[in-house]
Amino acid sequence: MTDEALLHPLIRAGLPKARQRIKHYKEQGLITLQNGAVSLVKLAEQQIKDFAAWKKRESSKKTYQRLQQRAALVQK
């Protein structure tokens, strides 16, 4: 039995995306073995920026959906 098999199914479902993010951060040079503390600070800053961008996208999607619903109600 692997370590992954012991994880909760929802956590296992999120692993591929998490691995992609880690790979992306490594390519950006945010995750390195040198200067551990500096690397962690840079990584935390980037994650905050990424979360803010995601939150903005999600908000835009929800706003767009609300506008579509209102337009559908007006057309009826």
Protein backbone atom coordinates (compact mmCIF):
# COMPACT_ATOMS: atom_id res chain seq x y z
CA MET A 1 0.00 0.00 0.00
CA THR A 2 1.39 3.40 -0.94
CA ASP A 3 1.31 6.54 1.17
CA GLU A 4 -1.12 8.08 -1.31
CA ALA A 5 -3.61 5.27 -0.71
CA LEU A 6 -3.82 6.31 2.93
CA LEU A 7 -4.91 9.85 2.04
CA HIS A 8 -8.51 11.02 2.04
CA PRO A 9 -10.07 10.74 -1.47
CA LEU A 10 -10.56 14.51 -1.73
CA ILE A 11 -6.91 15.12 -0.94
CA ARG A 12 -5.88 12.49 -3.50
CA ALA A 13 -8.07 14.21 -6.09
CA GLY A 14 -6.19 17.48 -5.55
CA LEU A 15 -2.70 16.00 -5.79
CA PRO A 16 -2.24 16.39 -9.58
CA LYS A 17 -3.00 20.13 -9.44
CA ALA A 18 -0.76 20.54 -6.39
CA ARG A 19 2.08 18.79 -8.20
CA GLN A 20 1.61 21.08 -11.20
CA ARG A 21 1.78 24.16 -8.94
CA ILE A 22 4.96 22.87 -7.28
CA LYS A 23 6.52 22.19 -10.69
CA HIS A 24 5.56 25.69 -11.83
CA TYR A 25 7.06 27.27 -8.70
CA LYS A 26 10.27 25.27 -9.17
CA GLU A 27 10.50 26.49 -12.78
CA GLN A 28 10.01 30.07 -11.57
CA GLY A 29 12.85 29.56 -9.10
CA LEU A 30 10.63 30.13 -6.08
CA ILE A 31 11.37 26.71 -4.59
CA THR A 32 15.10 26.13 -4.17
CA LEU A 33 17.33 24.28 -1.75
CA GLN A 34 19.54 27.34 -1.23
CA ASN A 35 18.45 30.22 1.00
CA GLY A 36 15.56 28.29 2.52
CA ALA A 37 14.03 31.17 4.46
CA VAL A 38 14.24 33.59 1.52
CA SER A 39 12.76 30.93 -0.75
CA LEU A 40 9.85 30.40 1.64
CA VAL A 41 9.13 34.13 1.81
CA LYS A 42 9.13 34.42 -1.99
CA LEU A 43 6.93 31.34 -2.27
CA ALA A 44 4.46 32.71 0.27
CA GLU A 45 4.29 36.06 -1.56
CA GLN A 46 3.68 34.30 -4.88
CA GLN A 47 0.98 32.09 -3.38
CA ILE A 48 -0.78 35.17 -2.00
CA LYS A 49 -0.69 36.77 -5.47
CA ASP A 50 -1.91 33.56 -7.11
CA PHE A 51 -4.78 33.25 -4.62
CA ALA A 52 -5.80 36.88 -5.19
CA ALA A 53 -5.81 36.30 -8.96
CA TRP A 54 -7.86 33.11 -8.55
CA LYS A 55 -10.31 34.88 -6.25
CA LYS A 56 -10.74 37.67 -8.80
CA ARG A 57 -11.37 35.14 -11.61
CA GLU A 58 -13.94 33.28 -9.51
CA SER A 59 -15.67 36.54 -8.61
CA SER A 60 -15.81 37.49 -12.29
CA LYS A 61 -17.30 34.11 -13.18
CA LYS A 62 -19.99 34.46 -10.52
CA THR A 63 -20.80 38.01 -11.64
CA TYR A 64 -21.07 36.85 -15.25
CA GLN A 65 -23.41 34.01 -14.22
CA ARG A 66 -25.62 36.42 -12.26
CA LEU A 67 -25.81 38.74 -15.26
CA GLN A 68 -26.77 35.84 -17.52
CA GLN A 69 -29.51 34.80 -15.09
CA ARG A 70 -30.87 38.34 -14.95
CA ALA A 71 -30.81 38.60 -18.74
CA ALA A 72 -32.72 35.31 -18.98
CA LEU A 73 -35.35 36.60 -16.54
CA VAL A 74 -35.73 39.86 -18.46
CA GLN A 75 -36.23 38.01 -21.75
CA LYS A 76 -39.11 35.96 -20.33
